[in-house]
PDB file of N, CA and C in Angstrom:
ATOM      1  N   MET A   1     -19.339   0.088 -19.114  1.00  0.00           N
ATOM      2  CA  MET A   1     -18.208  -0.537 -18.472  1.00  0.00           C
ATOM      3  C   MET A   1     -18.515  -0.744 -16.999  1.00  0.00           C
ATOM      4  N   LYS A   2     -18.170  -1.915 -16.496  1.00  0.00           N
ATOM      5  CA  LYS A   2     -18.355  -2.205 -15.082  1.00  0.00           C
ATOM      6  C   LYS A   2     -17.269  -1.523 -14.265  1.00  0.00           C
ATOM      7  N   GLY A   3     -17.531  -1.350 -12.976  1.00  0.00           N
ATOM      8  CA  GLY A   3     -16.544  -0.773 -12.072  1.00  0.00           C
ATOM      9  C   GLY A   3     -15.584  -1.840 -11.552  1.00  0.00           C
ATOM     10  N   LEU A   4     -14.553  -1.386 -10.877  1.00  0.00           N
ATOM     11  CA  LEU A   4     -13.561  -2.275 -10.286  1.00  0.00           C
ATOM     12  C   LEU A   4     -13.357  -1.874  -8.840  1.00  0.00           C
ATOM     13  N   ASN A   5     -13.497  -2.817  -7.935  1.00  0.00           N
ATOM     14  CA  ASN A   5     -13.289  -2.589  -6.510  1.00  0.00           C
ATOM     15  C   ASN A   5     -12.249  -3.604  -6.054  1.00  0.00           C
ATOM     16  N   LYS A   6     -10.980  -3.218  -6.050  1.00  0.00           N
ATOM     17  CA  LYS A   6      -9.889  -4.137  -5.738  1.00  0.00           C
ATOM     18  C   LYS A   6      -8.886  -3.418  -4.854  1.00  0.00           C
ATOM     19  N   VAL A   7      -8.503  -4.057  -3.756  1.00  0.00           N
ATOM     20  CA  VAL A   7      -7.536  -3.513  -2.814  1.00  0.00           C
ATOM     21  C   VAL A   7      -6.436  -4.544  -2.625  1.00  0.00           C
ATOM     22  N   SER A   8      -5.177  -4.102  -2.703  1.00  0.00           N
ATOM     23  CA  SER A   8      -4.016  -4.954  -2.416  1.00  0.00           C
ATOM     24  C   SER A   8      -3.162  -4.229  -1.388  1.00  0.00           C
ATOM     25  N   LEU A   9      -2.868  -4.896  -0.281  1.00  0.00           N
ATOM     26  CA  LEU A   9      -2.092  -4.278   0.793  1.00  0.00           C
ATOM     27  C   LEU A   9      -1.032  -5.243   1.310  1.00  0.00           C
ATOM     28  N   ILE A  10       0.104  -4.700   1.707  1.00  0.00           N
ATOM     29  CA  ILE A  10       1.126  -5.440   2.442  1.00  0.00           C
ATOM     30  C   ILE A  10       1.410  -4.631   3.694  1.00  0.00           C
ATOM     31  N   GLY A  11       1.317  -5.284   4.851  1.00  0.00           N
ATOM     32  CA  GLY A  11       1.561  -4.576   6.098  1.00  0.00           C
ATOM     33  C   GLY A  11       1.628  -5.528   7.267  1.00  0.00           C
ATOM     34  N   HIS A  12       1.775  -4.939   8.442  1.00  0.00           N
ATOM     35  CA  HIS A  12       1.871  -5.703   9.690  1.00  0.00           C
ATOM     36  C   HIS A  12       0.557  -5.634  10.460  1.00  0.00           C
ATOM     37  N   LEU A  13       0.184  -6.753  11.064  1.00  0.00           N
ATOM     38  CA  LEU A  13      -1.041  -6.806  11.862  1.00  0.00           C
ATOM     39  C   LEU A  13      -0.847  -6.041  13.168  1.00  0.00           C
ATOM     40  N   GLY A  14      -1.852  -5.268  13.528  1.00  0.00           N
ATOM     41  CA  GLY A  14      -1.785  -4.470  14.743  1.00  0.00           C
ATOM     42  C   GLY A  14      -2.272  -5.193  15.984  1.00  0.00           C
ATOM     43  N   LYS A  15      -2.936  -6.333  15.785  1.00  0.00           N
ATOM     44  CA  LYS A  15      -3.455  -7.107  16.911  1.00  0.00           C
ATOM     45  C   LYS A  15      -3.742  -8.525  16.429  1.00  0.00           C
ATOM     46  N   ASP A  16      -3.974  -9.429  17.365  1.00  0.00           N
ATOM     47  CA  ASP A  16      -4.434 -10.765  17.004  1.00  0.00           C
ATOM     48  C   ASP A  16      -5.865 -10.650  16.477  1.00  0.00           C
ATOM     49  N   PRO A  17      -6.276 -11.548  15.587  1.00  0.00           N
ATOM     50  CA  PRO A  17      -7.639 -11.486  15.049  1.00  0.00           C
ATOM     51  C   PRO A  17      -8.700 -11.635  16.148  1.00  0.00           C
ATOM     52  N   ASP A  18      -9.776 -10.881  15.995  1.00  0.00           N
ATOM     53  CA  ASP A  18     -10.944 -10.990  16.853  1.00  0.00           C
ATOM     54  C   ASP A  18     -11.932 -11.880  16.098  1.00  0.00           C
ATOM     55  N   VAL A  19     -12.128 -13.108  16.578  1.00  0.00           N
ATOM     56  CA  VAL A  19     -12.945 -14.099  15.870  1.00  0.00           C
ATOM     57  C   VAL A  19     -14.301 -14.228  16.555  1.00  0.00           C
ATOM     58  N   ARG A  20     -15.361 -14.220  15.736  1.00  0.00           N
ATOM     59  CA  ARG A  20     -16.724 -14.354  16.268  1.00  0.00           C
ATOM     60  C   ARG A  20     -17.513 -15.320  15.396  1.00  0.00           C
ATOM     61  N   MET A  21     -18.530 -15.892  15.991  1.00  0.00           N
ATOM     62  CA  MET A  21     -19.489 -16.706  15.247  1.00  0.00           C
ATOM     63  C   MET A  21     -20.735 -15.846  15.042  1.00  0.00           C
ATOM     64  N   VAL A  22     -21.219 -15.808  13.810  1.00  0.00           N
ATOM     65  CA  VAL A  22     -22.429 -15.055  13.499  1.00  0.00           C
ATOM     66  C   VAL A  22     -23.384 -15.960  12.743  1.00  0.00           C
ATOM     67  N   GLY A  23     -24.648 -15.690  12.881  1.00  0.00           N
ATOM     68  CA  GLY A  23     -25.636 -16.497  12.163  1.00  0.00           C
ATOM     69  C   GLY A  23     -25.536 -17.961  12.534  1.00  0.00           C
ATOM     70  N   GLU A  24     -25.730 -18.827  11.554  1.00  0.00           N
ATOM     71  CA  GLU A  24     -25.739 -20.261  11.776  1.00  0.00           C
ATOM     72  C   GLU A  24     -24.368 -20.866  11.513  1.00  0.00           C
ATOM     73  N   GLY A  25     -23.468 -20.697  12.479  1.00  0.00           N
ATOM     74  CA  GLY A  25     -22.139 -21.288  12.374  1.00  0.00           C
ATOM     75  C   GLY A  25     -21.182 -20.568  11.452  1.00  0.00           C
ATOM     76  N   MET A  26     -21.513 -19.359  11.021  1.00  0.00           N
ATOM     77  CA  MET A  26     -20.636 -18.578  10.147  1.00  0.00           C
ATOM     78  C   MET A  26     -19.584 -17.880  11.008  1.00  0.00           C
ATOM     79  N   ARG A  27     -18.337 -17.998  10.603  1.00  0.00           N
ATOM     80  CA  ARG A  27     -17.219 -17.427  11.354  1.00  0.00           C
ATOM     81  C   ARG A  27     -16.737 -16.159  10.641  1.00  0.00           C
ATOM     82  N   VAL A  28     -16.405 -15.114  11.433  1.00  0.00           N
ATOM     83  CA  VAL A  28     -15.850 -13.879  10.891  1.00  0.00           C
ATOM     84  C   VAL A  28     -14.725 -13.400  11.806  1.00  0.00           C
ATOM     85  N   SER A  29     -13.655 -12.907  11.204  1.00  0.00           N
ATOM     86  CA  SER A  29     -12.525 -12.364  11.958  1.00  0.00           C
ATOM     87  C   SER A  29     -12.317 -10.907  11.558  1.00  0.00           C
ATOM     88  N   HIS A  30     -11.992 -10.090  12.556  1.00  0.00           N
ATOM     89  CA  HIS A  30     -11.640  -8.693  12.325  1.00  0.00           C
ATOM     90  C   HIS A  30     -10.214  -8.493  12.827  1.00  0.00           C
ATOM     91  N   VAL A  31      -9.417  -7.767  12.056  1.00  0.00           N
ATOM     92  CA  VAL A  31      -8.036  -7.479  12.456  1.00  0.00           C
ATOM     93  C   VAL A  31      -7.618  -6.164  11.805  1.00  0.00           C
ATOM     94  N   SER A  32      -6.695  -5.463  12.439  1.00  0.00           N
ATOM     95  CA  SER A  32      -6.190  -4.208  11.881  1.00  0.00           C
ATOM     96  C   SER A  32      -4.842  -4.448  11.208  1.00  0.00           C
ATOM     97  N   LEU A  33      -4.597  -3.706  10.133  1.00  0.00           N
ATOM     98  CA  LEU A  33      -3.366  -3.836   9.359  1.00  0.00           C
ATOM     99  C   LEU A  33      -2.750  -2.458   9.197  1.00  0.00           C
ATOM    100  N   ALA A  34      -1.449  -2.352   9.485  1.00  0.00           N
ATOM    101  CA  ALA A  34      -0.723  -1.093   9.319  1.00  0.00           C
ATOM    102  C   ALA A  34       0.126  -1.148   8.057  1.00  0.00           C
ATOM    103  N   THR A  35      -0.034  -0.151   7.191  1.00  0.00           N
ATOM    104  CA  THR A  35       0.841  -0.005   6.036  1.00  0.00           C
ATOM    105  C   THR A  35       1.670   1.256   6.258  1.00  0.00           C
ATOM    106  N   THR A  36       2.967   1.169   5.992  1.00  0.00           N
ATOM    107  CA  THR A  36       3.873   2.283   6.258  1.00  0.00           C
ATOM    108  C   THR A  36       4.628   2.658   4.987  1.00  0.00           C
ATOM    109  N   GLU A  37       4.652   3.945   4.698  1.00  0.00           N
ATOM    110  CA  GLU A  37       5.383   4.472   3.548  1.00  0.00           C
ATOM    111  C   GLU A  37       6.483   5.393   4.045  1.00  0.00           C
ATOM    112  N   LEU A  38       7.618   5.353   3.365  1.00  0.00           N
ATOM    113  CA  LEU A  38       8.715   6.277   3.643  1.00  0.00           C
ATOM    114  C   LEU A  38       8.727   7.357   2.566  1.00  0.00           C
ATOM    115  N   TYR A  39       8.992   8.589   2.966  1.00  0.00           N
ATOM    116  CA  TYR A  39       9.107   9.681   2.004  1.00  0.00           C
ATOM    117  C   TYR A  39      10.049  10.734   2.567  1.00  0.00           C
ATOM    118  N   ARG A  40      10.493  11.643   1.720  1.00  0.00           N
ATOM    119  CA  ARG A  40      11.356  12.743   2.146  1.00  0.00           C
ATOM    120  C   ARG A  40      10.532  14.030   2.170  1.00  0.00           C
ATOM    121  N   ASP A  41      10.687  14.785   3.250  1.00  0.00           N
ATOM    122  CA  ASP A  41       9.996  16.072   3.325  1.00  0.00           C
ATOM    123  C   ASP A  41      10.793  17.128   2.547  1.00  0.00           C
ATOM    124  N   LYS A  42      10.348  18.372   2.582  1.00  0.00           N
ATOM    125  CA  LYS A  42      10.976  19.444   1.800  1.00  0.00           C
ATOM    126  C   LYS A  42      12.448  19.649   2.161  1.00  0.00           C
ATOM    127  N   SER A  43      12.799  19.380   3.418  1.00  0.00           N
ATOM    128  CA  SER A  43      14.192  19.565   3.848  1.00  0.00           C
ATOM    129  C   SER A  43      15.055  18.337   3.552  1.00  0.00           C
ATOM    130  N   GLY A  44      14.449  17.271   3.024  1.00  0.00           N
ATOM    131  CA  GLY A  44      15.209  16.067   2.688  1.00  0.00           C
ATOM    132  C   GLY A  44      15.223  15.016   3.781  1.00  0.00           C
ATOM    133  N   ALA A  45      14.602  15.301   4.913  1.00  0.00           N
ATOM    134  CA  ALA A  45      14.558  14.332   6.015  1.00  0.00           C
ATOM    135  C   ALA A  45      13.590  13.198   5.675  1.00  0.00           C
ATOM    136  N   VAL A  46      13.979  11.979   6.051  1.00  0.00           N
ATOM    137  CA  VAL A  46      13.119  10.818   5.803  1.00  0.00           C
ATOM    138  C   VAL A  46      12.015  10.774   6.863  1.00  0.00           C
ATOM    139  N   LYS A  47      10.790  10.662   6.400  1.00  0.00           N
ATOM    140  CA  LYS A  47       9.615  10.598   7.275  1.00  0.00           C
ATOM    141  C   LYS A  47       8.856   9.305   6.993  1.00  0.00           C
ATOM    142  N   THR A  48       8.051   8.899   7.942  1.00  0.00           N
ATOM    143  CA  THR A  48       7.187   7.735   7.734  1.00  0.00           C
ATOM    144  C   THR A  48       5.733   8.151   7.883  1.00  0.00           C
ATOM    145  N   GLN A  49       4.893   7.502   7.103  1.00  0.00           N
ATOM    146  CA  GLN A  49       3.444   7.721   7.162  1.00  0.00           C
ATOM    147  C   GLN A  49       2.790   6.361   7.311  1.00  0.00           C
ATOM    148  N   THR A  50       2.107   6.138   8.428  1.00  0.00           N
ATOM    149  CA  THR A  50       1.440   4.861   8.676  1.00  0.00           C
ATOM    150  C   THR A  50      -0.067   5.047   8.584  1.00  0.00           C
ATOM    151  N   ASP A  51      -0.707   4.167   7.820  1.00  0.00           N
ATOM    152  CA  ASP A  51      -2.163   4.145   7.718  1.00  0.00           C
ATOM    153  C   ASP A  51      -2.658   2.824   8.271  1.00  0.00           C
ATOM    154  N   TRP A  52      -3.813   2.865   8.932  1.00  0.00           N
ATOM    155  CA  TRP A  52      -4.423   1.663   9.505  1.00  0.00           C
ATOM    156  C   TRP A  52      -5.639   1.272   8.693  1.00  0.00           C
ATOM    157  N   HIS A  53      -5.779  -0.036   8.464  1.00  0.00           N
ATOM    158  CA  HIS A  53      -6.873  -0.569   7.663  1.00  0.00           C
ATOM    159  C   HIS A  53      -7.598  -1.651   8.464  1.00  0.00           C
ATOM    160  N   ALA A  54      -8.913  -1.644   8.403  1.00  0.00           N
ATOM    161  CA  ALA A  54      -9.728  -2.676   9.051  1.00  0.00           C
ATOM    162  C   ALA A  54      -9.943  -3.807   8.050  1.00  0.00           C
ATOM    163  N   LEU A  55      -9.556  -5.026   8.440  1.00  0.00           N
ATOM    164  CA  LEU A  55      -9.730  -6.200   7.585  1.00  0.00           C
ATOM    165  C   LEU A  55     -10.835  -7.079   8.137  1.00  0.00           C
ATOM    166  N   VAL A  56     -11.626  -7.668   7.243  1.00  0.00           N
ATOM    167  CA  VAL A  56     -12.671  -8.616   7.619  1.00  0.00           C
ATOM    168  C   VAL A  56     -12.442  -9.898   6.831  1.00  0.00           C
ATOM    169  N   LEU A  57     -12.349 -11.016   7.536  1.00  0.00           N
ATOM    170  CA  LEU A  57     -12.130 -12.322   6.906  1.00  0.00           C
ATOM    171  C   LEU A  57     -13.291 -13.232   7.269  1.00  0.00           C
ATOM    172  N   TRP A  58     -13.896 -13.863   6.259  1.00  0.00           N
ATOM    173  CA  TRP A  58     -15.054 -14.724   6.465  1.00  0.00           C
ATOM    174  C   TRP A  58     -14.693 -16.194   6.267  1.00  0.00           C
ATOM    175  N   SER A  59     -15.439 -17.064   6.911  1.00  0.00           N
ATOM    176  CA  SER A  59     -15.434 -18.516   6.707  1.00  0.00           C
ATOM    177  C   SER A  59     -14.042 -19.124   6.798  1.00  0.00           C
ATOM    178  N   LYS A  60     -13.564 -19.742   5.718  1.00  0.00           N
ATOM    179  CA  LYS A  60     -12.284 -20.457   5.723  1.00  0.00           C
ATOM    180  C   LYS A  60     -11.118 -19.518   6.022  1.00  0.00           C
ATOM    181  N   LEU A  61     -11.141 -18.317   5.455  1.00  0.00           N
ATOM    182  CA  LEU A  61     -10.072 -17.359   5.754  1.00  0.00           C
ATOM    183  C   LEU A  61     -10.084 -16.965   7.225  1.00  0.00           C
ATOM    184  N   SER A  62     -11.247 -16.924   7.835  1.00  0.00           N
ATOM    185  CA  SER A  62     -11.345 -16.635   9.257  1.00  0.00           C
ATOM    186  C   SER A  62     -10.714 -17.748  10.087  1.00  0.00           C
ATOM    187  N   GLU A  63     -10.931 -18.987   9.675  1.00  0.00           N
ATOM    188  CA  GLU A  63     -10.308 -20.124  10.369  1.00  0.00           C
ATOM    189  C   GLU A  63      -8.793 -20.052  10.257  1.00  0.00           C
ATOM    190  N   ILE A  64      -8.297 -19.737   9.077  1.00  0.00           N
ATOM    191  CA  ILE A  64      -6.847 -19.599   8.877  1.00  0.00           C
ATOM    192  C   ILE A  64      -6.309 -18.467   9.745  1.00  0.00           C
ATOM    193  N   ALA A  65      -7.016 -17.358   9.780  1.00  0.00           N
ATOM    194  CA  ALA A  65      -6.597 -16.219  10.597  1.00  0.00           C
ATOM    195  C   ALA A  65      -6.506 -16.598  12.069  1.00  0.00           C
ATOM    196  N   GLU A  66      -7.505 -17.306  12.554  1.00  0.00           N
ATOM    197  CA  GLU A  66      -7.532 -17.701  13.962  1.00  0.00           C
ATOM    198  C   GLU A  66      -6.340 -18.581  14.316  1.00  0.00           C
ATOM    199  N   LYS A  67      -5.972 -19.482  13.413  1.00  0.00           N
ATOM    200  CA  LYS A  67      -4.885 -20.431  13.689  1.00  0.00           C
ATOM    201  C   LYS A  67      -3.493 -19.847  13.458  1.00  0.00           C
ATOM    202  N   HIS A  68      -3.344 -18.966  12.454  1.00  0.00           N
ATOM    203  CA  HIS A  68      -2.005 -18.617  12.000  1.00  0.00           C
ATOM    204  C   HIS A  68      -1.620 -17.138  12.096  1.00  0.00           C
ATOM    205  N   LEU A  69      -2.568 -16.244  12.285  1.00  0.00           N
ATOM    206  CA  LEU A  69      -2.239 -14.830  12.324  1.00  0.00           C
ATOM    207  C   LEU A  69      -2.080 -14.330  13.752  1.00  0.00           C
ATOM    208  N   HIS A  70      -1.048 -13.505  13.928  1.00  0.00           N
ATOM    209  CA  HIS A  70      -0.753 -12.926  15.236  1.00  0.00           C
ATOM    210  C   HIS A  70      -0.265 -11.495  15.058  1.00  0.00           C
ATOM    211  N   LYS A  71      -0.400 -10.722  16.102  1.00  0.00           N
ATOM    212  CA  LYS A  71       0.067  -9.343  16.095  1.00  0.00           C
ATOM    213  C   LYS A  71       1.507  -9.300  15.583  1.00  0.00           C
ATOM    214  N   GLY A  72       1.769  -8.382  14.654  1.00  0.00           N
ATOM    215  CA  GLY A  72       3.115  -8.211  14.123  1.00  0.00           C
ATOM    216  C   GLY A  72       3.402  -8.965  12.843  1.00  0.00           C
ATOM    217  N   ASN A  73       2.585  -9.979  12.502  1.00  0.00           N
ATOM    218  CA  ASN A  73       2.794 -10.722  11.247  1.00  0.00           C
ATOM    219  C   ASN A  73       2.776  -9.768  10.058  1.00  0.00           C
ATOM    220  N   LEU A  74       3.656 -10.040   9.089  1.00  0.00           N
ATOM    221  CA  LEU A  74       3.638  -9.329   7.818  1.00  0.00           C
ATOM    222  C   LEU A  74       2.772 -10.142   6.865  1.00  0.00           C
ATOM    223  N   VAL A  75       1.750  -9.505   6.287  1.00  0.00           N
ATOM    224  CA  VAL A  75       0.819 -10.222   5.411  1.00  0.00           C
ATOM    225  C   VAL A  75       0.550  -9.419   4.141  1.00  0.00           C
ATOM    226  N   TYR A  76       0.168 -10.162   3.106  1.00  0.00           N
ATOM    227  CA  TYR A  76      -0.331  -9.589   1.860  1.00  0.00           C
ATOM    228  C   TYR A  76      -1.801  -9.966   1.781  1.00  0.00           C
ATOM    229  N   VAL A  77      -2.653  -8.984   1.523  1.00  0.00           N
ATOM    230  CA  VAL A  77      -4.090  -9.260   1.368  1.00  0.00           C
ATOM    231  C   VAL A  77      -4.604  -8.613   0.092  1.00  0.00           C
ATOM    232  N   GLU A  78      -5.571  -9.278  -0.508  1.00  0.00           N
ATOM    233  CA  GLU A  78      -6.338  -8.731  -1.621  1.00  0.00           C
ATOM    234  C   GLU A  78      -7.801  -8.832  -1.239  1.00  0.00           C
ATOM    235  N   GLY A  79      -8.561  -7.859  -1.662  1.00  0.00           N
ATOM    236  CA  GLY A  79      -9.989  -7.908  -1.375  1.00  0.00           C
ATOM    237  C   GLY A  79     -10.701  -6.731  -1.991  1.00  0.00           C
ATOM    238  N   LYS A  80     -11.860  -6.418  -1.422  1.00  0.00           N
ATOM    239  CA  LYS A  80     -12.643  -5.290  -1.915  1.00  0.00           C
ATOM    240  C   LYS A  80     -12.978  -4.364  -0.753  1.00  0.00           C
ATOM    241  N   LEU A  81     -13.114  -3.103  -1.064  1.00  0.00           N
ATOM    242  CA  LEU A  81     -13.410  -2.085  -0.064  1.00  0.00           C
ATOM    243  C   LEU A  81     -14.916  -1.947   0.095  1.00  0.00           C
ATOM    244  N   LYS A  82     -15.376  -2.007   1.338  1.00  0.00           N
ATOM    245  CA  LYS A  82     -16.798  -1.839   1.648  1.00  0.00           C
ATOM    246  C   LYS A  82     -16.937  -0.794   2.746  1.00  0.00           C
ATOM    247  N   THR A  83     -17.961   0.022   2.634  1.00  0.00           N
ATOM    248  CA  THR A  83     -18.283   0.991   3.671  1.00  0.00           C
ATOM    249  C   THR A  83     -19.665   0.665   4.200  1.00  0.00           C
ATOM    250  N   ARG A  84     -19.767   0.603   5.516  1.00  0.00           N
ATOM    251  CA  ARG A  84     -21.058   0.322   6.153  1.00  0.00           C
ATOM    252  C   ARG A  84     -21.316   1.406   7.191  1.00  0.00           C
ATOM    253  N   HIS A  85     -22.540   1.492   7.641  1.00  0.00           N
ATOM    254  CA  HIS A  85     -22.868   2.471   8.680  1.00  0.00           C
ATOM    255  C   HIS A  85     -23.675   1.798   9.782  1.00  0.00           C
ATOM    256  N   TYR A  86     -23.615   2.423  10.943  1.00  0.00           N
ATOM    257  CA  TYR A  86     -24.362   1.951  12.108  1.00  0.00           C
ATOM    258  C   TYR A  86     -24.655   3.148  12.998  1.00  0.00           C
ATOM    259  N   GLU A  87     -25.534   2.955  13.958  1.00  0.00           N
ATOM    260  CA  GLU A  87     -25.817   4.006  14.925  1.00  0.00           C
ATOM    261  C   GLU A  87     -25.113   3.674  16.232  1.00  0.00           C
ATOM    262  N   ASP A  88     -24.386   4.667  16.777  1.00  0.00           N
ATOM    263  CA  ASP A  88     -23.705   4.450  18.048  1.00  0.00           C
ATOM    264  C   ASP A  88     -24.694   4.591  19.206  1.00  0.00           C
ATOM    265  N   LYS A  89     -24.200   4.451  20.416  1.00  0.00           N
ATOM    266  CA  LYS A  89     -25.074   4.486  21.593  1.00  0.00           C
ATOM    267  C   LYS A  89     -25.794   5.822  21.758  1.00  0.00           C
ATOM    268  N   ALA A  90     -25.168   6.888  21.240  1.00  0.00           N
ATOM    269  CA  ALA A  90     -25.772   8.221  21.335  1.00  0.00           C
ATOM    270  C   ALA A  90     -26.765   8.480  20.202  1.00  0.00           C
ATOM    271  N   GLY A  91     -26.915   7.515  19.293  1.00  0.00           N
ATOM    272  CA  GLY A  91     -27.846   7.667  18.190  1.00  0.00           C
ATOM    273  C   GLY A  91     -27.256   8.341  16.957  1.00  0.00           C
ATOM    274  N   SER A  92     -25.959   8.601  16.964  1.00  0.00           N
ATOM    275  CA  SER A  92     -25.297   9.221  15.812  1.00  0.00           C
ATOM    276  C   SER A  92     -24.931   8.159  14.785  1.00  0.00           C
ATOM    277  N   ARG A  93     -25.051   8.514  13.524  1.00  0.00           N
ATOM    278  CA  ARG A  93     -24.691   7.587  12.454  1.00  0.00           C
ATOM    279  C   ARG A  93     -23.167   7.603  12.279  1.00  0.00           C
ATOM    280  N   ARG A  94     -22.565   6.422  12.278  1.00  0.00           N
ATOM    281  CA  ARG A  94     -21.116   6.256  12.100  1.00  0.00           C
ATOM    282  C   ARG A  94     -20.860   5.434  10.848  1.00  0.00           C
ATOM    283  N   TYR A  95     -19.765   5.743  10.161  1.00  0.00           N
ATOM    284  CA  TYR A  95     -19.378   5.021   8.950  1.00  0.00           C
ATOM    285  C   TYR A  95     -18.044   4.327   9.178  1.00  0.00           C
ATOM    286  N   VAL A  96     -17.922   3.108   8.638  1.00  0.00           N
ATOM    287  CA  VAL A  96     -16.706   2.315   8.757  1.00  0.00           C
ATOM    288  C   VAL A  96     -16.355   1.770   7.376  1.00  0.00           C
ATOM    289  N   SER A  97     -15.108   1.980   6.954  1.00  0.00           N
ATOM    290  CA  SER A  97     -14.620   1.386   5.706  1.00  0.00           C
ATOM    291  C   SER A  97     -13.754   0.189   6.059  1.00  0.00           C
ATOM    292  N   GLU A  98     -14.001  -0.944   5.405  1.00  0.00           N
ATOM    293  CA  GLU A  98     -13.297  -2.186   5.704  1.00  0.00           C
ATOM    294  C   GLU A  98     -12.861  -2.857   4.405  1.00  0.00           C
ATOM    295  N   VAL A  99     -11.776  -3.618   4.489  1.00  0.00           N
ATOM    296  CA  VAL A  99     -11.341  -4.443   3.369  1.00  0.00           C
ATOM    297  C   VAL A  99     -11.886  -5.847   3.610  1.00  0.00           C
ATOM    298  N   ILE A 100     -12.738  -6.322   2.722  1.00  0.00           N
ATOM    299  CA  ILE A 100     -13.250  -7.689   2.791  1.00  0.00           C
ATOM    300  C   ILE A 100     -12.214  -8.559   2.080  1.00  0.00           C
ATOM    301  N   VAL A 101     -11.473  -9.335   2.852  1.00  0.00           N
ATOM    302  CA  VAL A 101     -10.326 -10.080   2.331  1.00  0.00           C
ATOM    303  C   VAL A 101     -10.801 -11.288   1.528  1.00  0.00           C
ATOM    304  N   GLU A 102     -10.232 -11.425   0.321  1.00  0.00           N
ATOM    305  CA  GLU A 102     -10.521 -12.557  -0.558  1.00  0.00           C
ATOM    306  C   GLU A 102      -9.301 -13.451  -0.764  1.00  0.00           C
ATOM    307  N   GLN A 103      -8.100 -12.872  -0.600  1.00  0.00           N
ATOM    308  CA  GLN A 103      -6.837 -13.606  -0.722  1.00  0.00           C
ATOM    309  C   GLN A 103      -5.947 -13.198   0.437  1.00  0.00           C
ATOM    310  N   LEU A 104      -5.230 -14.169   1.014  1.00  0.00           N
ATOM    311  CA  LEU A 104      -4.355 -13.914   2.145  1.00  0.00           C
ATOM    312  C   LEU A 104      -3.065 -14.675   1.967  1.00  0.00           C
ATOM    313  N   LEU A 105      -1.931 -13.996   2.168  1.00  0.00           N
ATOM    314  CA  LEU A 105      -0.624 -14.641   2.119  1.00  0.00           C
ATOM    315  C   LEU A 105       0.172 -14.149   3.323  1.00  0.00           C
ATOM    316  N   ILE A 106       0.590 -15.078   4.176  1.00  0.00           N
ATOM    317  CA  ILE A 106       1.390 -14.735   5.342  1.00  0.00           C
ATOM    318  C   ILE A 106       2.849 -14.670   4.895  1.00  0.00           C
ATOM    319  N   LEU A 107       3.466 -13.494   5.024  1.00  0.00           N
ATOM    320  CA  LEU A 107       4.841 -13.282   4.569  1.00  0.00           C
ATOM    321  C   LEU A 107       5.860 -13.538   5.666  1.00  0.00           C
ATOM    322  N   LYS A 108       5.544 -13.194   6.904  1.00  0.00           N
ATOM    323  CA  LYS A 108       6.421 -13.434   8.057  1.00  0.00           C
ATOM    324  C   LYS A 108       5.597 -13.628   9.295  1.00  0.00           C
TER     325      LYS A 108
END
């Protein structure tokens, strides 16, 4: 059986997209997305839990992001989770998990 790597999120953008050109005219956008859940603690008080997700949009989706996405927008995204690593300035290995967006729907 093959594996499944699928992520679906609805949340608000934490910043305007950071758009860059890489390689030979390839466009990529990076943006953060906040998802918030409400729950009750043991005493019954309502609490919120916010998680931040790094989104990566390539090519046509990057163009759409540049034109139409802004901090605070409510969006629905589908994609796949990827983890990459790099070395920081001190030479330490760092890991980053990102959602590679394949579908985008602007809700507000």
